[in-house]
N, C-alpha and C. Protein backbone atom coordinates (compact mmCIF):
# COMPACT_ATOMS: atom_id res chain seq x y z
N MET A 1 -9.18 15.46 -2.66
CA MET A 1 -8.92 14.81 -1.41
C MET A 1 -8.87 13.29 -1.64
N ILE A 2 -7.95 12.61 -0.97
CA ILE A 2 -7.79 11.18 -1.11
C ILE A 2 -8.63 10.48 -0.04
N LYS A 3 -9.46 9.54 -0.48
CA LYS A 3 -10.29 8.77 0.44
C LYS A 3 -9.45 7.64 1.03
N LYS A 4 -9.36 7.59 2.33
CA LYS A 4 -8.58 6.54 2.99
C LYS A 4 -9.48 5.34 3.26
N GLU A 5 -8.95 4.15 2.96
CA GLU A 5 -9.67 2.93 3.22
C GLU A 5 -8.77 1.99 4.02
N GLU A 6 -9.37 1.23 4.92
CA GLU A 6 -8.61 0.28 5.72
C GLU A 6 -8.29 -0.95 4.88
N LEU A 7 -7.02 -1.35 4.88
CA LEU A 7 -6.60 -2.55 4.18
C LEU A 7 -6.44 -3.68 5.17
N ARG A 8 -6.99 -4.83 4.84
CA ARG A 8 -6.83 -6.01 5.69
C ARG A 8 -5.89 -6.97 4.97
N LEU A 9 -4.63 -6.95 5.38
CA LEU A 9 -3.61 -7.77 4.74
C LEU A 9 -3.42 -9.06 5.51
N THR A 10 -3.06 -10.12 4.79
CA THR A 10 -2.84 -11.41 5.42
C THR A 10 -1.51 -11.99 4.93
N GLN A 11 -0.89 -12.81 5.74
CA GLN A 11 0.36 -13.45 5.35
C GLN A 11 0.14 -14.89 4.87
N GLU A 12 -1.10 -15.37 4.93
CA GLU A 12 -1.36 -16.75 4.52
C GLU A 12 -1.26 -16.91 3.00
N TRP A 13 -0.94 -18.13 2.57
CA TRP A 13 -0.78 -18.42 1.14
C TRP A 13 -2.16 -18.50 0.50
N ASP A 14 -2.43 -17.66 -0.50
CA ASP A 14 -3.76 -17.61 -1.10
C ASP A 14 -3.71 -17.76 -2.62
N LYS A 15 -2.68 -18.44 -3.12
CA LYS A 15 -2.52 -18.61 -4.56
C LYS A 15 -3.09 -19.95 -5.01
N THR A 16 -3.32 -20.10 -6.32
CA THR A 16 -3.85 -21.34 -6.86
C THR A 16 -2.74 -22.36 -7.14
N PHE A 17 -1.49 -21.94 -7.12
CA PHE A 17 -0.37 -22.85 -7.35
C PHE A 17 0.34 -23.11 -6.04
N PRO A 18 1.03 -24.25 -5.93
CA PRO A 18 1.69 -24.60 -4.67
C PRO A 18 2.85 -23.66 -4.33
N LYS A 19 3.03 -23.38 -3.08
CA LYS A 19 4.14 -22.57 -2.62
C LYS A 19 5.43 -23.40 -2.71
N SER A 20 6.50 -22.77 -3.16
CA SER A 20 7.77 -23.47 -3.35
C SER A 20 8.87 -22.79 -2.56
N ASP A 21 9.73 -23.59 -1.93
CA ASP A 21 10.90 -23.05 -1.23
C ASP A 21 11.98 -22.60 -2.21
N LYS A 22 11.84 -22.94 -3.49
CA LYS A 22 12.82 -22.57 -4.52
C LYS A 22 12.59 -21.14 -5.03
N VAL A 23 11.47 -20.55 -4.63
CA VAL A 23 11.10 -19.21 -5.11
C VAL A 23 10.92 -18.29 -3.92
N ASP A 24 11.42 -17.06 -4.05
CA ASP A 24 11.24 -16.04 -3.00
C ASP A 24 9.90 -15.35 -3.26
N HIS A 25 8.88 -15.71 -2.49
CA HIS A 25 7.54 -15.17 -2.66
C HIS A 25 7.36 -13.94 -1.78
N SER A 26 6.67 -12.94 -2.30
CA SER A 26 6.30 -11.78 -1.49
C SER A 26 5.01 -11.18 -2.04
N LYS A 27 4.26 -10.55 -1.16
CA LYS A 27 3.02 -9.90 -1.57
C LYS A 27 3.26 -8.42 -1.73
N VAL A 28 2.57 -7.83 -2.69
CA VAL A 28 2.65 -6.39 -2.90
C VAL A 28 1.23 -5.82 -2.90
N THR A 29 1.13 -4.56 -2.59
CA THR A 29 -0.14 -3.87 -2.57
C THR A 29 -0.03 -2.62 -3.44
N PHE A 30 -1.01 -2.42 -4.32
CA PHE A 30 -1.04 -1.25 -5.17
C PHE A 30 -2.17 -0.33 -4.72
N VAL A 31 -1.92 0.96 -4.75
CA VAL A 31 -2.91 1.95 -4.37
C VAL A 31 -3.24 2.77 -5.60
N GLU A 32 -4.52 2.85 -5.92
CA GLU A 32 -4.96 3.63 -7.08
C GLU A 32 -5.24 5.06 -6.63
N ILE A 33 -4.67 6.00 -7.34
CA ILE A 33 -4.91 7.41 -7.07
C ILE A 33 -5.58 8.01 -8.30
N ASN A 34 -6.79 8.47 -8.15
CA ASN A 34 -7.54 9.05 -9.25
C ASN A 34 -7.33 10.56 -9.24
N THR A 35 -6.61 11.06 -10.24
CA THR A 35 -6.32 12.49 -10.32
C THR A 35 -7.33 13.24 -11.17
N GLY A 36 -8.19 12.47 -11.87
CA GLY A 36 -9.17 13.11 -12.74
C GLY A 36 -8.62 13.39 -14.12
N VAL A 37 -7.31 13.21 -14.32
CA VAL A 37 -6.70 13.45 -15.63
C VAL A 37 -7.13 12.35 -16.58
N GLY A 38 -7.50 12.72 -17.78
CA GLY A 38 -7.87 11.74 -18.78
C GLY A 38 -9.34 11.33 -18.73
N GLN A 39 -10.10 11.90 -17.83
CA GLN A 39 -11.52 11.58 -17.78
C GLN A 39 -12.24 12.29 -18.92
N ASP A 40 -13.32 11.68 -19.35
CA ASP A 40 -14.10 12.31 -20.42
C ASP A 40 -14.76 13.58 -19.92
N ILE A 41 -14.46 14.66 -20.59
CA ILE A 41 -15.05 15.95 -20.26
C ILE A 41 -15.82 16.44 -21.49
N PRO A 42 -17.09 16.76 -21.35
CA PRO A 42 -17.86 17.19 -22.51
C PRO A 42 -17.25 18.46 -23.14
N GLU A 43 -17.19 18.46 -24.47
CA GLU A 43 -16.65 19.63 -25.17
C GLU A 43 -17.69 20.74 -25.21
N GLU A 44 -17.21 21.97 -25.10
CA GLU A 44 -18.11 23.11 -25.23
C GLU A 44 -18.40 23.33 -26.69
N ARG A 45 -19.64 23.65 -27.01
CA ARG A 45 -20.00 23.88 -28.42
C ARG A 45 -20.44 25.30 -28.63
């Protein structure tokens, strides 16, 4: 089951470098989905 979390997004400039009109700036959001694949599973002996 996927746990839903509320995202609080903002449109304000929050970077350490100055905003430039010469560059098309946009924000992106990534969502991590943990499928359990690749997790360490103890080997049976």
